[in-house]
Amino acid sequence: MIYYLSEGRHMALIRTFERKYMDRNSVHDEISASYTVFDRDGRRFIQIDSYGRDERQIPGKKSQTIQLDRDGAHALYKILKGEFQFQD
C-alpha cells in the first residue's frame, strides 16, 4: 500500500521484510530522523522521516518517509531482536 503526500512524494507502508544478502555493503553517512505515532481507522502507525545532509540544496528537507503498522513493526522488532540480541 502506498500513500501519496500533497507534494507528490510517496510514502511506503511496510508490513513485511525479506532478508537480502549483498556482495558489498557500506556504512552510510549519519543523518537525522524523527518519528510520529498516529491512529487511523482503528489502526496504529509509526511514521519515520529522515532528513538529508546539511550540505543539501535545501537543508533539513524531508528525504524519506516510511510507515509501519502493527505487523510491520512486529516484523522489524523480530529482526532487530535477533540481529542485536536484544533482551525483553
N, C-alpha and C. Protein backbone atom coordinates (compact mmCIF):
# COMPACT_ATOMS: atom_id res chain seq x y z
N MET A 1 0.85 -1.16 0.00
CA MET A 1 0.00 0.00 0.00
C MET A 1 0.89 1.23 0.00
N ILE A 2 0.64 2.17 -0.88
CA ILE A 2 1.41 3.41 -0.94
C ILE A 2 0.46 4.58 -0.75
N TYR A 3 0.85 5.51 0.11
CA TYR A 3 0.08 6.71 0.33
C TYR A 3 0.77 7.86 -0.39
N TYR A 4 0.03 8.84 -0.83
CA TYR A 4 0.59 9.99 -1.53
C TYR A 4 0.47 11.23 -0.67
N LEU A 5 1.54 11.98 -0.61
CA LEU A 5 1.52 13.26 0.08
C LEU A 5 1.04 14.33 -0.89
N SER A 6 0.61 15.44 -0.35
CA SER A 6 0.12 16.51 -1.21
C SER A 6 1.20 17.04 -2.14
N GLU A 7 2.44 16.91 -1.78
CA GLU A 7 3.54 17.42 -2.59
C GLU A 7 3.93 16.44 -3.69
N GLY A 8 3.22 15.32 -3.83
CA GLY A 8 3.52 14.37 -4.88
C GLY A 8 4.56 13.33 -4.50
N ARG A 9 5.09 13.40 -3.29
CA ARG A 9 6.06 12.40 -2.85
C ARG A 9 5.33 11.15 -2.39
N HIS A 10 6.03 10.05 -2.36
CA HIS A 10 5.44 8.79 -1.95
C HIS A 10 5.90 8.42 -0.54
N MET A 11 4.99 7.81 0.19
CA MET A 11 5.33 7.20 1.47
C MET A 11 5.02 5.72 1.31
N ALA A 12 5.79 4.90 1.93
CA ALA A 12 5.59 3.46 1.82
C ALA A 12 5.17 2.89 3.17
N LEU A 13 4.12 2.10 3.16
CA LEU A 13 3.70 1.35 4.34
C LEU A 13 4.35 -0.02 4.25
N ILE A 14 5.22 -0.33 5.20
CA ILE A 14 5.95 -1.59 5.19
C ILE A 14 5.30 -2.54 6.17
N ARG A 15 4.90 -3.70 5.68
CA ARG A 15 4.26 -4.70 6.53
C ARG A 15 5.11 -5.95 6.68
N THR A 16 6.01 -6.21 5.75
CA THR A 16 6.88 -7.38 5.81
C THR A 16 8.28 -7.00 5.35
N PHE A 17 9.23 -7.81 5.73
CA PHE A 17 10.62 -7.62 5.33
C PHE A 17 11.15 -8.94 4.77
N GLU A 18 11.97 -8.84 3.77
CA GLU A 18 12.63 -10.01 3.20
C GLU A 18 14.13 -9.81 3.31
N ARG A 19 14.82 -10.79 3.88
CA ARG A 19 16.27 -10.67 4.01
C ARG A 19 16.92 -10.79 2.65
N LYS A 20 17.89 -9.93 2.41
CA LYS A 20 18.63 -9.93 1.16
C LYS A 20 20.11 -9.94 1.50
N TYR A 21 20.85 -10.78 0.84
CA TYR A 21 22.29 -10.85 1.05
C TYR A 21 22.96 -10.10 -0.09
N MET A 22 23.87 -9.22 0.26
CA MET A 22 24.54 -8.40 -0.74
C MET A 22 26.03 -8.73 -0.76
N ASP A 23 26.63 -8.60 -1.93
CA ASP A 23 28.06 -8.86 -2.06
C ASP A 23 28.89 -7.78 -1.40
N ARG A 24 28.44 -6.55 -1.50
CA ARG A 24 29.19 -5.42 -0.92
C ARG A 24 28.24 -4.56 -0.11
N ASN A 25 28.69 -4.16 1.06
CA ASN A 25 27.92 -3.27 1.93
C ASN A 25 28.82 -2.11 2.33
N SER A 26 28.22 -0.97 2.63
CA SER A 26 28.97 0.17 3.12
C SER A 26 28.16 0.87 4.20
N VAL A 27 28.83 1.58 5.08
CA VAL A 27 28.16 2.34 6.12
C VAL A 27 27.86 3.72 5.54
N HIS A 28 26.62 4.15 5.66
CA HIS A 28 26.19 5.43 5.09
C HIS A 28 26.48 6.57 6.06
N ASP A 29 26.42 7.80 5.56
CA ASP A 29 26.59 8.98 6.40
C ASP A 29 25.45 9.07 7.40
N GLU A 30 25.75 9.61 8.56
CA GLU A 30 24.73 9.79 9.59
C GLU A 30 23.86 10.99 9.23
N ILE A 31 22.56 10.82 9.38
CA ILE A 31 21.60 11.90 9.17
C ILE A 31 20.65 11.93 10.34
N SER A 32 19.78 12.92 10.38
CA SER A 32 18.80 12.97 11.47
C SER A 32 17.48 12.36 11.02
N ALA A 33 16.70 11.94 11.98
CA ALA A 33 15.40 11.34 11.71
C ALA A 33 14.45 11.70 12.84
N SER A 34 13.17 11.65 12.53
CA SER A 34 12.14 11.87 13.54
C SER A 34 11.06 10.81 13.34
N TYR A 35 10.22 10.64 14.36
CA TYR A 35 9.12 9.71 14.21
C TYR A 35 7.86 10.30 14.83
N THR A 36 6.75 9.84 14.34
CA THR A 36 5.45 10.22 14.90
C THR A 36 4.59 8.97 14.95
N VAL A 37 3.65 8.96 15.87
CA VAL A 37 2.73 7.84 16.02
C VAL A 37 1.32 8.40 15.85
N PHE A 38 0.50 7.70 15.07
CA PHE A 38 -0.87 8.16 14.87
C PHE A 38 -1.79 6.97 14.65
N ASP A 39 -3.07 7.20 14.86
CA ASP A 39 -4.09 6.18 14.66
C ASP A 39 -4.97 6.60 13.48
N ARG A 40 -5.31 5.63 12.66
CA ARG A 40 -6.20 5.87 11.52
C ARG A 40 -7.06 4.64 11.32
N ASP A 41 -8.35 4.82 11.26
CA ASP A 41 -9.29 3.73 11.02
C ASP A 41 -9.09 2.57 11.99
N GLY A 42 -8.84 2.90 13.27
CA GLY A 42 -8.68 1.87 14.29
C GLY A 42 -7.34 1.17 14.29
N ARG A 43 -6.41 1.64 13.48
CA ARG A 43 -5.07 1.03 13.43
C ARG A 43 -4.03 2.06 13.84
N ARG A 44 -2.98 1.60 14.49
CA ARG A 44 -1.89 2.47 14.91
C ARG A 44 -0.73 2.35 13.92
N PHE A 45 -0.11 3.48 13.65
CA PHE A 45 1.02 3.56 12.73
C PHE A 45 2.16 4.33 13.37
N ILE A 46 3.37 3.96 13.00
CA ILE A 46 4.53 4.77 13.32
C ILE A 46 5.11 5.23 11.99
N GLN A 47 5.41 6.51 11.90
CA GLN A 47 5.99 7.07 10.68
C GLN A 47 7.38 7.57 11.02
N ILE A 48 8.36 7.16 10.23
CA ILE A 48 9.75 7.57 10.42
C ILE A 48 10.14 8.43 9.23
N ASP A 49 10.59 9.64 9.51
CA ASP A 49 11.03 10.57 8.47
C ASP A 49 12.53 10.80 8.62
N SER A 50 13.25 10.71 7.51
CA SER A 50 14.67 11.03 7.54
C SER A 50 14.89 12.33 6.78
N TYR A 51 15.97 13.00 7.14
CA TYR A 51 16.27 14.31 6.57
C TYR A 51 17.66 14.28 5.96
N GLY A 52 17.82 15.00 4.87
CA GLY A 52 19.08 14.99 4.15
C GLY A 52 20.21 15.66 4.92
N ARG A 53 21.39 15.53 4.36
CA ARG A 53 22.58 16.15 4.96
C ARG A 53 22.47 17.66 4.93
N ASP A 54 23.21 18.32 5.80
CA ASP A 54 23.22 19.78 5.87
C ASP A 54 23.72 20.41 4.58
N GLU A 55 24.48 19.65 3.79
CA GLU A 55 25.06 20.18 2.56
C GLU A 55 24.05 20.20 1.40
N ARG A 56 22.86 19.65 1.60
CA ARG A 56 21.86 19.61 0.53
C ARG A 56 21.45 21.01 0.12
N GLN A 57 20.86 21.08 -1.06
CA GLN A 57 20.39 22.37 -1.58
C GLN A 57 19.36 23.00 -0.63
N ILE A 58 18.49 22.17 -0.05
CA ILE A 58 17.53 22.65 0.94
C ILE A 58 17.78 21.88 2.24
N PRO A 59 18.67 22.40 3.10
CA PRO A 59 18.99 21.69 4.35
C PRO A 59 17.74 21.47 5.20
N GLY A 60 17.66 20.30 5.83
CA GLY A 60 16.55 19.99 6.71
C GLY A 60 15.30 19.49 5.99
N LYS A 61 15.35 19.41 4.67
CA LYS A 61 14.19 18.94 3.91
C LYS A 61 14.01 17.44 4.13
N LYS A 62 12.76 17.03 4.29
CA LYS A 62 12.46 15.62 4.49
C LYS A 62 12.94 14.85 3.26
N SER A 63 13.65 13.76 3.51
CA SER A 63 14.23 12.98 2.42
C SER A 63 13.42 11.72 2.14
N GLN A 64 13.13 10.96 3.17
CA GLN A 64 12.40 9.70 3.01
C GLN A 64 11.43 9.53 4.15
N THR A 65 10.32 8.85 3.86
CA THR A 65 9.31 8.55 4.85
C THR A 65 8.90 7.10 4.72
N ILE A 66 8.89 6.40 5.84
CA ILE A 66 8.32 5.04 5.84
C ILE A 66 7.30 4.97 6.97
N GLN A 67 6.33 4.11 6.80
CA GLN A 67 5.33 3.87 7.82
C GLN A 67 5.29 2.38 8.13
N LEU A 68 5.07 2.08 9.41
CA LEU A 68 4.90 0.71 9.86
C LEU A 68 3.57 0.61 10.58
N ASP A 69 2.78 -0.42 10.27
CA ASP A 69 1.62 -0.74 11.07
C ASP A 69 2.06 -1.78 12.09
N ARG A 70 1.13 -2.37 12.81
CA ARG A 70 1.50 -3.34 13.84
C ARG A 70 2.27 -4.52 13.26
N ASP A 71 1.82 -5.04 12.12
CA ASP A 71 2.52 -6.17 11.50
C ASP A 71 3.94 -5.81 11.10
N GLY A 72 4.10 -4.66 10.46
CA GLY A 72 5.43 -4.23 10.04
C GLY A 72 6.34 -3.96 11.22
N ALA A 73 5.79 -3.33 12.27
CA ALA A 73 6.59 -3.04 13.47
C ALA A 73 7.02 -4.34 14.14
N HIS A 74 6.13 -5.32 14.20
CA HIS A 74 6.48 -6.59 14.82
C HIS A 74 7.54 -7.32 14.01
N ALA A 75 7.42 -7.28 12.69
CA ALA A 75 8.43 -7.92 11.83
C ALA A 75 9.79 -7.27 12.03
N LEU A 76 9.83 -5.93 12.09
CA LEU A 76 11.10 -5.24 12.30
C LEU A 76 11.65 -5.52 13.70
N TYR A 77 10.77 -5.56 14.70
CA TYR A 77 11.18 -5.87 16.07
C TYR A 77 11.87 -7.23 16.14
N LYS A 78 11.29 -8.23 15.48
CA LYS A 78 11.89 -9.57 15.49
C LYS A 78 13.27 -9.56 14.82
N ILE A 79 13.42 -8.81 13.75
CA ILE A 79 14.72 -8.71 13.08
C ILE A 79 15.74 -8.06 14.01
N LEU A 80 15.38 -6.92 14.59
CA LEU A 80 16.30 -6.19 15.48
C LEU A 80 16.66 -7.02 16.70
N LYS A 81 15.67 -7.67 17.29
CA LYS A 81 15.92 -8.51 18.47
C LYS A 81 16.90 -9.63 18.14
N GLY A 82 16.72 -10.26 17.00
CA GLY A 82 17.60 -11.36 16.61
C GLY A 82 19.00 -10.91 16.23
N GLU A 83 19.10 -9.85 15.46
CA GLU A 83 20.40 -9.41 14.97
C GLU A 83 21.26 -8.72 16.03
N PHE A 84 20.61 -8.04 16.98
CA PHE A 84 21.35 -7.31 18.02
C PHE A 84 21.23 -7.97 19.39
N GLN A 85 20.62 -9.15 19.46
CA GLN A 85 20.44 -9.91 20.68
C GLN A 85 19.79 -9.08 21.80
N PHE A 86 18.77 -8.27 21.45
CA PHE A 86 18.02 -7.53 22.45
C PHE A 86 17.27 -8.50 23.35
N GLN A 87 17.22 -8.17 24.61
CA GLN A 87 16.50 -8.99 25.59
C GLN A 87 15.21 -8.29 25.96
N ASP A 88 14.14 -9.05 26.15
CA ASP A 88 12.86 -8.47 26.60
C ASP A 88 12.91 -8.13 28.06
